[in-house]
PDB file of N, CA and C in Angstrom:
ATOM      1  N   MET A   1      28.806   8.000 -18.033  1.00  0.00           N
ATOM      2  CA  MET A   1      27.810   7.025 -18.416  1.00  0.00           C
ATOM      3  C   MET A   1      26.963   6.705 -17.194  1.00  0.00           C
ATOM      4  N   THR A   2      25.663   6.471 -17.401  1.00  0.00           N
ATOM      5  CA  THR A   2      24.799   6.145 -16.282  1.00  0.00           C
ATOM      6  C   THR A   2      24.416   4.674 -16.316  1.00  0.00           C
ATOM      7  N   SER A   3      24.152   4.156 -15.131  1.00  0.00           N
ATOM      8  CA  SER A   3      23.789   2.749 -15.017  1.00  0.00           C
ATOM      9  C   SER A   3      22.284   2.579 -15.182  1.00  0.00           C
ATOM     10  N   LEU A   4      21.862   1.357 -15.091  1.00  0.00           N
ATOM     11  CA  LEU A   4      20.445   1.018 -15.212  1.00  0.00           C
ATOM     12  C   LEU A   4      19.590   1.767 -14.199  1.00  0.00           C
ATOM     13  N   PHE A   5      20.119   2.015 -13.010  1.00  0.00           N
ATOM     14  CA  PHE A   5      19.355   2.661 -11.947  1.00  0.00           C
ATOM     15  C   PHE A   5      19.557   4.167 -11.908  1.00  0.00           C
ATOM     16  N   GLY A   6      20.165   4.719 -12.901  1.00  0.00           N
ATOM     17  CA  GLY A   6      20.288   6.164 -13.006  1.00  0.00           C
ATOM     18  C   GLY A   6      21.540   6.730 -12.371  1.00  0.00           C
ATOM     19  N   GLY A   7      22.322   5.916 -11.708  1.00  0.00           N
ATOM     20  CA  GLY A   7      23.538   6.399 -11.080  1.00  0.00           C
ATOM     21  C   GLY A   7      24.692   6.325 -12.040  1.00  0.00           C
ATOM     22  N   SER A   8      25.804   6.818 -11.618  1.00  0.00           N
ATOM     23  CA  SER A   8      27.004   6.759 -12.435  1.00  0.00           C
ATOM     24  C   SER A   8      27.525   5.335 -12.451  1.00  0.00           C
ATOM     25  N   SER A   9      28.014   4.911 -13.573  1.00  0.00           N
ATOM     26  CA  SER A   9      28.577   3.567 -13.671  1.00  0.00           C
ATOM     27  C   SER A   9      30.073   3.600 -13.380  1.00  0.00           C
ATOM     28  N   ASN A  10      30.493   4.554 -12.613  1.00  0.00           N
ATOM     29  CA  ASN A  10      31.886   4.725 -12.245  1.00  0.00           C
ATOM     30  C   ASN A  10      32.340   3.515 -11.414  1.00  0.00           C
ATOM     31  N   PRO A  11      33.273   2.720 -11.930  1.00  0.00           N
ATOM     32  CA  PRO A  11      33.707   1.534 -11.198  1.00  0.00           C
ATOM     33  C   PRO A  11      34.483   1.859  -9.931  1.00  0.00           C
ATOM     34  N   THR A  12      34.879   3.125  -9.754  1.00  0.00           N
ATOM     35  CA  THR A  12      35.641   3.499  -8.568  1.00  0.00           C
ATOM     36  C   THR A  12      34.766   4.106  -7.487  1.00  0.00           C
ATOM     37  N   ALA A  13      33.431   3.968  -7.612  1.00  0.00           N
ATOM     38  CA  ALA A  13      32.533   4.489  -6.587  1.00  0.00           C
ATOM     39  C   ALA A  13      32.818   3.774  -5.279  1.00  0.00           C
ATOM     40  N   SER A  14      32.784   4.526  -4.204  1.00  0.00           N
ATOM     41  CA  SER A  14      33.096   3.940  -2.900  1.00  0.00           C
ATOM     42  C   SER A  14      31.960   3.029  -2.439  1.00  0.00           C
ATOM     43  N   PRO A  15      32.269   2.092  -1.561  1.00  0.00           N
ATOM     44  CA  PRO A  15      31.216   1.219  -1.019  1.00  0.00           C
ATOM     45  C   PRO A  15      30.105   2.014  -0.327  1.00  0.00           C
ATOM     46  N   ALA A  16      30.473   3.118   0.309  1.00  0.00           N
ATOM     47  CA  ALA A  16      29.462   3.943   0.977  1.00  0.00           C
ATOM     48  C   ALA A  16      28.515   4.564  -0.053  1.00  0.00           C
ATOM     49  N   ASP A  17      29.065   5.017  -1.186  1.00  0.00           N
ATOM     50  CA  ASP A  17      28.237   5.580  -2.252  1.00  0.00           C
ATOM     51  C   ASP A  17      27.301   4.522  -2.831  1.00  0.00           C
ATOM     52  N   MET A  18      27.856   3.328  -3.036  1.00  0.00           N
ATOM     53  CA  MET A  18      27.061   2.240  -3.592  1.00  0.00           C
ATOM     54  C   MET A  18      25.958   1.826  -2.612  1.00  0.00           C
ATOM     55  N   ALA A  19      26.278   1.788  -1.331  1.00  0.00           N
ATOM     56  CA  ALA A  19      25.288   1.428  -0.314  1.00  0.00           C
ATOM     57  C   ALA A  19      24.187   2.481  -0.242  1.00  0.00           C
ATOM     58  N   ALA A  20      24.573   3.755  -0.344  1.00  0.00           N
ATOM     59  CA  ALA A  20      23.581   4.827  -0.310  1.00  0.00           C
ATOM     60  C   ALA A  20      22.663   4.742  -1.517  1.00  0.00           C
ATOM     61  N   ARG A  21      23.237   4.463  -2.676  1.00  0.00           N
ATOM     62  CA  ARG A  21      22.420   4.347  -3.900  1.00  0.00           C
ATOM     63  C   ARG A  21      21.480   3.139  -3.811  1.00  0.00           C
ATOM     64  N   LEU A  22      21.978   2.037  -3.284  1.00  0.00           N
ATOM     65  CA  LEU A  22      21.148   0.845  -3.103  1.00  0.00           C
ATOM     66  C   LEU A  22      19.987   1.149  -2.156  1.00  0.00           C
ATOM     67  N   GLU A  23      20.268   1.878  -1.102  1.00  0.00           N
ATOM     68  CA  GLU A  23      19.209   2.251  -0.150  1.00  0.00           C
ATOM     69  C   GLU A  23      18.168   3.146  -0.819  1.00  0.00           C
ATOM     70  N   GLN A  24      18.606   4.052  -1.687  1.00  0.00           N
ATOM     71  CA  GLN A  24      17.671   4.898  -2.425  1.00  0.00           C
ATOM     72  C   GLN A  24      16.770   4.062  -3.325  1.00  0.00           C
ATOM     73  N   VAL A  25      17.350   3.099  -3.999  1.00  0.00           N
ATOM     74  CA  VAL A  25      16.575   2.228  -4.890  1.00  0.00           C
ATOM     75  C   VAL A  25      15.572   1.418  -4.070  1.00  0.00           C
ATOM     76  N   LYS A  26      16.016   0.876  -2.940  1.00  0.00           N
ATOM     77  CA  LYS A  26      15.110   0.115  -2.067  1.00  0.00           C
ATOM     78  C   LYS A  26      13.948   0.987  -1.593  1.00  0.00           C
ATOM     79  N   ASN A  27      14.257   2.209  -1.170  1.00  0.00           N
ATOM     80  CA  ASN A  27      13.209   3.121  -0.707  1.00  0.00           C
ATOM     81  C   ASN A  27      12.231   3.454  -1.826  1.00  0.00           C
ATOM     82  N   SER A  28      12.751   3.664  -3.010  1.00  0.00           N
ATOM     83  CA  SER A  28      11.899   3.963  -4.159  1.00  0.00           C
ATOM     84  C   SER A  28      10.959   2.801  -4.456  1.00  0.00           C
ATOM     85  N   ILE A  29      11.490   1.593  -4.442  1.00  0.00           N
ATOM     86  CA  ILE A  29      10.667   0.406  -4.688  1.00  0.00           C
ATOM     87  C   ILE A  29       9.624   0.263  -3.589  1.00  0.00           C
ATOM     88  N   HIS A  30      10.027   0.462  -2.344  1.00  0.00           N
ATOM     89  CA  HIS A  30       9.102   0.370  -1.209  1.00  0.00           C
ATOM     90  C   HIS A  30       7.961   1.366  -1.372  1.00  0.00           C
ATOM     91  N   ASN A  31       8.283   2.593  -1.745  1.00  0.00           N
ATOM     92  CA  ASN A  31       7.262   3.624  -1.925  1.00  0.00           C
ATOM     93  C   ASN A  31       6.314   3.285  -3.074  1.00  0.00           C
ATOM     94  N   GLU A  32       6.860   2.775  -4.159  1.00  0.00           N
ATOM     95  CA  GLU A  32       6.019   2.391  -5.303  1.00  0.00           C
ATOM     96  C   GLU A  32       5.071   1.253  -4.922  1.00  0.00           C
ATOM     97  N   LEU A  33       5.583   0.275  -4.172  1.00  0.00           N
ATOM     98  CA  LEU A  33       4.729  -0.835  -3.732  1.00  0.00           C
ATOM     99  C   LEU A  33       3.641  -0.351  -2.782  1.00  0.00           C
ATOM    100  N   ALA A  34       3.985   0.560  -1.890  1.00  0.00           N
ATOM    101  CA  ALA A  34       2.991   1.099  -0.963  1.00  0.00           C
ATOM    102  C   ALA A  34       1.895   1.840  -1.726  1.00  0.00           C
ATOM    103  N   LEU A  35       2.274   2.613  -2.718  1.00  0.00           N
ATOM    104  CA  LEU A  35       1.303   3.324  -3.538  1.00  0.00           C
ATOM    105  C   LEU A  35       0.413   2.349  -4.293  1.00  0.00           C
ATOM    106  N   GLN A  36       1.012   1.328  -4.870  1.00  0.00           N
ATOM    107  CA  GLN A  36       0.249   0.321  -5.601  1.00  0.00           C
ATOM    108  C   GLN A  36      -0.731  -0.397  -4.671  1.00  0.00           C
ATOM    109  N   ASN A  37      -0.288  -0.738  -3.469  1.00  0.00           N
ATOM    110  CA  ASN A  37      -1.170  -1.405  -2.506  1.00  0.00           C
ATOM    111  C   ASN A  37      -2.325  -0.501  -2.094  1.00  0.00           C
ATOM    112  N   ALA A  38      -2.053   0.779  -1.886  1.00  0.00           N
ATOM    113  CA  ALA A  38      -3.111   1.715  -1.520  1.00  0.00           C
ATOM    114  C   ALA A  38      -4.127   1.851  -2.654  1.00  0.00           C
ATOM    115  N   GLN A  39      -3.651   1.913  -3.886  1.00  0.00           N
ATOM    116  CA  GLN A  39      -4.562   2.008  -5.027  1.00  0.00           C
ATOM    117  C   GLN A  39      -5.415   0.748  -5.147  1.00  0.00           C
ATOM    118  N   GLU A  40      -4.797  -0.396  -4.937  1.00  0.00           N
ATOM    119  CA  GLU A  40      -5.537  -1.663  -5.010  1.00  0.00           C
ATOM    120  C   GLU A  40      -6.596  -1.729  -3.908  1.00  0.00           C
ATOM    121  N   LEU A  41      -6.231  -1.295  -2.714  1.00  0.00           N
ATOM    122  CA  LEU A  41      -7.190  -1.275  -1.604  1.00  0.00           C
ATOM    123  C   LEU A  41      -8.379  -0.387  -1.935  1.00  0.00           C
ATOM    124  N   MET A  42      -8.113   0.805  -2.445  1.00  0.00           N
ATOM    125  CA  MET A  42      -9.205   1.724  -2.769  1.00  0.00           C
ATOM    126  C   MET A  42     -10.071   1.166  -3.895  1.00  0.00           C
ATOM    127  N   ASN A  43      -9.480   0.505  -4.857  1.00  0.00           N
ATOM    128  CA  ASN A  43     -10.265  -0.112  -5.932  1.00  0.00           C
ATOM    129  C   ASN A  43     -11.171  -1.204  -5.385  1.00  0.00           C
ATOM    130  N   LYS A  44     -10.650  -2.031  -4.485  1.00  0.00           N
ATOM    131  CA  LYS A  44     -11.462  -3.092  -3.883  1.00  0.00           C
ATOM    132  C   LYS A  44     -12.603  -2.512  -3.067  1.00  0.00           C
ATOM    133  N   VAL A  45     -12.289  -1.504  -2.256  1.00  0.00           N
ATOM    134  CA  VAL A  45     -13.325  -0.862  -1.436  1.00  0.00           C
ATOM    135  C   VAL A  45     -14.419  -0.293  -2.330  1.00  0.00           C
ATOM    136  N   THR A  46     -14.004   0.412  -3.343  1.00  0.00           N
ATOM    137  CA  THR A  46     -14.968   1.033  -4.254  1.00  0.00           C
ATOM    138  C   THR A  46     -15.839  -0.027  -4.921  1.00  0.00           C
ATOM    139  N   ASP A  47     -15.214  -1.073  -5.443  1.00  0.00           N
ATOM    140  CA  ASP A  47     -15.972  -2.130  -6.124  1.00  0.00           C
ATOM    141  C   ASP A  47     -16.951  -2.814  -5.180  1.00  0.00           C
ATOM    142  N   LYS A  48     -16.463  -3.267  -4.039  1.00  0.00           N
ATOM    143  CA  LYS A  48     -17.310  -4.021  -3.116  1.00  0.00           C
ATOM    144  C   LYS A  48     -18.447  -3.164  -2.555  1.00  0.00           C
ATOM    145  N   CYS A  49     -18.143  -1.948  -2.173  1.00  0.00           N
ATOM    146  CA  CYS A  49     -19.169  -1.087  -1.590  1.00  0.00           C
ATOM    147  C   CYS A  49     -20.169  -0.623  -2.649  1.00  0.00           C
ATOM    148  N   TYR A  50     -19.710  -0.376  -3.838  1.00  0.00           N
ATOM    149  CA  TYR A  50     -20.614   0.046  -4.912  1.00  0.00           C
ATOM    150  C   TYR A  50     -21.619  -1.058  -5.221  1.00  0.00           C
ATOM    151  N   VAL A  51     -21.123  -2.290  -5.323  1.00  0.00           N
ATOM    152  CA  VAL A  51     -22.013  -3.424  -5.611  1.00  0.00           C
ATOM    153  C   VAL A  51     -23.050  -3.578  -4.499  1.00  0.00           C
ATOM    154  N   LYS A  52     -22.603  -3.404  -3.263  1.00  0.00           N
ATOM    155  CA  LYS A  52     -23.498  -3.576  -2.115  1.00  0.00           C
ATOM    156  C   LYS A  52     -24.508  -2.441  -2.000  1.00  0.00           C
ATOM    157  N   CYS A  53     -24.085  -1.223  -2.253  1.00  0.00           N
ATOM    158  CA  CYS A  53     -24.901  -0.052  -1.913  1.00  0.00           C
ATOM    159  C   CYS A  53     -25.660   0.569  -3.080  1.00  0.00           C
ATOM    160  N   VAL A  54     -25.301   0.263  -4.291  1.00  0.00           N
ATOM    161  CA  VAL A  54     -25.946   0.885  -5.453  1.00  0.00           C
ATOM    162  C   VAL A  54     -26.519  -0.222  -6.344  1.00  0.00           C
ATOM    163  N   PRO A  55     -27.703  -0.724  -5.974  1.00  0.00           N
ATOM    164  CA  PRO A  55     -28.279  -1.836  -6.730  1.00  0.00           C
ATOM    165  C   PRO A  55     -28.701  -1.452  -8.149  1.00  0.00           C
ATOM    166  N   LYS A  56     -29.169  -0.221  -8.323  1.00  0.00           N
ATOM    167  CA  LYS A  56     -29.606   0.246  -9.643  1.00  0.00           C
ATOM    168  C   LYS A  56     -28.929   1.584  -9.942  1.00  0.00           C
ATOM    169  N   PRO A  57     -27.783   1.532 -10.618  1.00  0.00           N
ATOM    170  CA  PRO A  57     -27.070   2.781 -10.915  1.00  0.00           C
ATOM    171  C   PRO A  57     -27.927   3.749 -11.719  1.00  0.00           C
ATOM    172  N   GLY A  58     -27.790   5.000 -11.384  1.00  0.00           N
ATOM    173  CA  GLY A  58     -28.521   6.037 -12.094  1.00  0.00           C
ATOM    174  C   GLY A  58     -27.627   7.239 -12.312  1.00  0.00           C
ATOM    175  N   GLY A  59     -28.257   8.368 -12.559  1.00  0.00           N
ATOM    176  CA  GLY A  59     -27.522   9.593 -12.826  1.00  0.00           C
ATOM    177  C   GLY A  59     -26.889  10.199 -11.595  1.00  0.00           C
ATOM    178  N   SER A  60     -27.429   9.877 -10.424  1.00  0.00           N
ATOM    179  CA  SER A  60     -26.874  10.382  -9.176  1.00  0.00           C
ATOM    180  C   SER A  60     -27.186   9.397  -8.058  1.00  0.00           C
ATOM    181  N   LEU A  61     -26.522   9.601  -6.933  1.00  0.00           N
ATOM    182  CA  LEU A  61     -26.731   8.725  -5.784  1.00  0.00           C
ATOM    183  C   LEU A  61     -27.823   9.288  -4.884  1.00  0.00           C
ATOM    184  N   SER A  62     -28.652   8.401  -4.347  1.00  0.00           N
ATOM    185  CA  SER A  62     -29.640   8.831  -3.364  1.00  0.00           C
ATOM    186  C   SER A  62     -28.921   9.036  -2.033  1.00  0.00           C
ATOM    187  N   SER A  63     -29.594   9.687  -1.106  1.00  0.00           N
ATOM    188  CA  SER A  63     -28.963   9.922   0.199  1.00  0.00           C
ATOM    189  C   SER A  63     -28.711   8.606   0.923  1.00  0.00           C
ATOM    190  N   SER A  64     -29.596   7.626   0.762  1.00  0.00           N
ATOM    191  CA  SER A  64     -29.366   6.324   1.415  1.00  0.00           C
ATOM    192  C   SER A  64     -28.182   5.601   0.777  1.00  0.00           C
ATOM    193  N   GLU A  65     -27.991   5.733  -0.525  1.00  0.00           N
ATOM    194  CA  GLU A  65     -26.841   5.122  -1.192  1.00  0.00           C
ATOM    195  C   GLU A  65     -25.538   5.791  -0.737  1.00  0.00           C
ATOM    196  N   GLU A  66     -25.559   7.111  -0.614  1.00  0.00           N
ATOM    197  CA  GLU A  66     -24.382   7.833  -0.138  1.00  0.00           C
ATOM    198  C   GLU A  66     -24.019   7.398   1.268  1.00  0.00           C
ATOM    199  N   LYS A  67     -25.035   7.288   2.131  1.00  0.00           N
ATOM    200  CA  LYS A  67     -24.808   6.878   3.519  1.00  0.00           C
ATOM    201  C   LYS A  67     -24.258   5.454   3.560  1.00  0.00           C
ATOM    202  N   CYS A  68     -24.840   4.559   2.773  1.00  0.00           N
ATOM    203  CA  CYS A  68     -24.380   3.176   2.718  1.00  0.00           C
ATOM    204  C   CYS A  68     -22.934   3.110   2.247  1.00  0.00           C
ATOM    205  N   LEU A  69     -22.603   3.840   1.197  1.00  0.00           N
ATOM    206  CA  LEU A  69     -21.233   3.854   0.680  1.00  0.00           C
ATOM    207  C   LEU A  69     -20.247   4.357   1.730  1.00  0.00           C
ATOM    208  N   SER A  70     -20.623   5.419   2.405  1.00  0.00           N
ATOM    209  CA  SER A  70     -19.757   5.992   3.425  1.00  0.00           C
ATOM    210  C   SER A  70     -19.507   4.997   4.562  1.00  0.00           C
ATOM    211  N   GLN A  71     -20.569   4.371   5.044  1.00  0.00           N
ATOM    212  CA  GLN A  71     -20.431   3.408   6.137  1.00  0.00           C
ATOM    213  C   GLN A  71     -19.664   2.164   5.694  1.00  0.00           C
ATOM    214  N   CYS A  72     -19.940   1.700   4.494  1.00  0.00           N
ATOM    215  CA  CYS A  72     -19.255   0.514   3.962  1.00  0.00           C
ATOM    216  C   CYS A  72     -17.762   0.767   3.843  1.00  0.00           C
ATOM    217  N   MET A  73     -17.400   1.904   3.286  1.00  0.00           N
ATOM    218  CA  MET A  73     -15.984   2.225   3.113  1.00  0.00           C
ATOM    219  C   MET A  73     -15.304   2.366   4.469  1.00  0.00           C
ATOM    220  N   GLU A  74     -15.984   2.992   5.398  1.00  0.00           N
ATOM    221  CA  GLU A  74     -15.423   3.167   6.736  1.00  0.00           C
ATOM    222  C   GLU A  74     -15.179   1.811   7.402  1.00  0.00           C
ATOM    223  N   ARG A  75     -16.152   0.919   7.322  1.00  0.00           N
ATOM    224  CA  ARG A  75     -15.996  -0.412   7.919  1.00  0.00           C
ATOM    225  C   ARG A  75     -14.899  -1.211   7.221  1.00  0.00           C
ATOM    226  N   TYR A  76     -14.851  -1.145   5.918  1.00  0.00           N
ATOM    227  CA  TYR A  76     -13.847  -1.889   5.151  1.00  0.00           C
ATOM    228  C   TYR A  76     -12.446  -1.419   5.529  1.00  0.00           C
ATOM    229  N   LEU A  77     -12.252  -0.113   5.589  1.00  0.00           N
ATOM    230  CA  LEU A  77     -10.936   0.424   5.930  1.00  0.00           C
ATOM    231  C   LEU A  77     -10.584   0.139   7.385  1.00  0.00           C
ATOM    232  N   GLU A  78     -11.566   0.175   8.266  1.00  0.00           N
ATOM    233  CA  GLU A  78     -11.338  -0.153   9.675  1.00  0.00           C
ATOM    234  C   GLU A  78     -10.908  -1.617   9.810  1.00  0.00           C
ATOM    235  N   ALA A  79     -11.592  -2.507   9.104  1.00  0.00           N
ATOM    236  CA  ALA A  79     -11.230  -3.926   9.138  1.00  0.00           C
ATOM    237  C   ALA A  79      -9.831  -4.131   8.566  1.00  0.00           C
ATOM    238  N   PHE A  80      -9.518  -3.446   7.477  1.00  0.00           N
ATOM    239  CA  PHE A  80      -8.188  -3.554   6.877  1.00  0.00           C
ATOM    240  C   PHE A  80      -7.128  -3.096   7.874  1.00  0.00           C
ATOM    241  N   ASP A  81      -7.403  -2.009   8.582  1.00  0.00           N
ATOM    242  CA  ASP A  81      -6.453  -1.481   9.561  1.00  0.00           C
ATOM    243  C   ASP A  81      -6.209  -2.497  10.682  1.00  0.00           C
ATOM    244  N   ILE A  82      -7.269  -3.126  11.164  1.00  0.00           N
ATOM    245  CA  ILE A  82      -7.135  -4.128  12.228  1.00  0.00           C
ATOM    246  C   ILE A  82      -6.291  -5.300  11.744  1.00  0.00           C
ATOM    247  N   VAL A  83      -6.595  -5.796  10.560  1.00  0.00           N
ATOM    248  CA  VAL A  83      -5.838  -6.919  10.000  1.00  0.00           C
ATOM    249  C   VAL A  83      -4.381  -6.519   9.803  1.00  0.00           C
ATOM    250  N   ASN A  84      -4.145  -5.341   9.293  1.00  0.00           N
ATOM    251  CA  ASN A  84      -2.793  -4.858   9.038  1.00  0.00           C
ATOM    252  C   ASN A  84      -1.993  -4.751  10.342  1.00  0.00           C
ATOM    253  N   ARG A  85      -2.588  -4.150  11.379  1.00  0.00           N
ATOM    254  CA  ARG A  85      -1.887  -4.013  12.653  1.00  0.00           C
ATOM    255  C   ARG A  85      -1.592  -5.384  13.271  1.00  0.00           C
ATOM    256  N   THR A  86      -2.541  -6.301  13.180  1.00  0.00           N
ATOM    257  CA  THR A  86      -2.342  -7.649  13.713  1.00  0.00           C
ATOM    258  C   THR A  86      -1.227  -8.366  12.968  1.00  0.00           C
ATOM    259  N   TYR A  87      -1.210  -8.237  11.656  1.00  0.00           N
ATOM    260  CA  TYR A  87      -0.182  -8.866  10.834  1.00  0.00           C
ATOM    261  C   TYR A  87       1.204  -8.325  11.180  1.00  0.00           C
ATOM    262  N   ILE A  88       1.310  -7.016  11.317  1.00  0.00           N
ATOM    263  CA  ILE A  88       2.599  -6.397  11.654  1.00  0.00           C
ATOM    264  C   ILE A  88       3.060  -6.852  13.031  1.00  0.00           C
ATOM    265  N   ALA A  89       2.141  -6.913  13.984  1.00  0.00           N
ATOM    266  CA  ALA A  89       2.491  -7.380  15.327  1.00  0.00           C
ATOM    267  C   ALA A  89       2.976  -8.826  15.285  1.00  0.00           C
ATOM    268  N   ARG A  90       2.336  -9.641  14.479  1.00  0.00           N
ATOM    269  CA  ARG A  90       2.746 -11.047  14.347  1.00  0.00           C
ATOM    270  C   ARG A  90       4.140 -11.152  13.740  1.00  0.00           C
ATOM    271  N   LEU A  91       4.397 -10.377  12.701  1.00  0.00           N
ATOM    272  CA  LEU A  91       5.723 -10.388  12.087  1.00  0.00           C
ATOM    273  C   LEU A  91       6.801  -9.969  13.083  1.00  0.00           C
ATOM    274  N   ARG A  92       6.510  -8.945  13.865  1.00  0.00           N
ATOM    275  CA  ARG A  92       7.481  -8.480  14.866  1.00  0.00           C
ATOM    276  C   ARG A  92       7.737  -9.554  15.908  1.00  0.00           C
ATOM    277  N   LYS A  93       6.678 -10.207  16.364  1.00  0.00           N
ATOM    278  CA  LYS A  93       6.817 -11.268  17.349  1.00  0.00           C
ATOM    279  C   LYS A  93       7.643 -12.416  16.793  1.00  0.00           C
ATOM    280  N   GLU A  94       7.368 -12.816  15.556  1.00  0.00           N
ATOM    281  CA  GLU A  94       8.144 -13.891  14.936  1.00  0.00           C
ATOM    282  C   GLU A  94       9.604 -13.511  14.791  1.00  0.00           C
ATOM    283  N   ARG A  95       9.859 -12.264  14.464  1.00  0.00           N
ATOM    284  CA  ARG A  95      11.251 -11.796  14.331  1.00  0.00           C
ATOM    285  C   ARG A  95      11.966 -11.859  15.677  1.00  0.00           C
ATOM    286  N   VAL A  96      11.275 -11.451  16.734  1.00  0.00           N
ATOM    287  CA  VAL A  96      11.858 -11.509  18.081  1.00  0.00           C
ATOM    288  C   VAL A  96      12.096 -12.959  18.494  1.00  0.00           C
ATOM    289  N   ASP A  97      11.125 -13.828  18.193  1.00  0.00           N
ATOM    290  CA  ASP A  97      11.260 -15.246  18.534  1.00  0.00           C
ATOM    291  C   ASP A  97      12.440 -15.871  17.813  1.00  0.00           C
ATOM    292  N   GLN A  98      12.667 -15.483  16.570  1.00  0.00           N
ATOM    293  CA  GLN A  98      13.782 -16.033  15.785  1.00  0.00           C
ATOM    294  C   GLN A  98      15.124 -15.576  16.324  1.00  0.00           C
ATOM    295  N   GLN A  99      15.164 -14.366  16.878  1.00  0.00           N
ATOM    296  CA  GLN A  99      16.412 -13.825  17.401  1.00  0.00           C
ATOM    297  C   GLN A  99      16.751 -14.430  18.762  1.00  0.00           C
ATOM    298  N   SER A 100      15.768 -15.011  19.414  1.00  0.00           N
ATOM    299  CA  SER A 100      16.008 -15.581  20.753  1.00  0.00           C
ATOM    300  C   SER A 100      16.654 -16.935  20.682  1.00  0.00           C
TER     301      SER A 100
END
């Protein structure tokens, strides 16, 4: 019989087996969240840059619209990267401060 998480529901599974399965589930959830966050980021970038750079949608993009979209997306992702790195550094610092 299989459990909710796809593993065996064997009650005699060793603690090491259970810990390994738990780690697999955690990794799977982490990966799914990362994918969801990346998709959300790309949707936001697309929406915001499209609104800014394509005032009158048509059958195709002009060269100035393409250039604007490219620069907008680049700046948005660069800003996101800066914020992300700063946030991670802050979390690490807080973790170190808590351990002291």
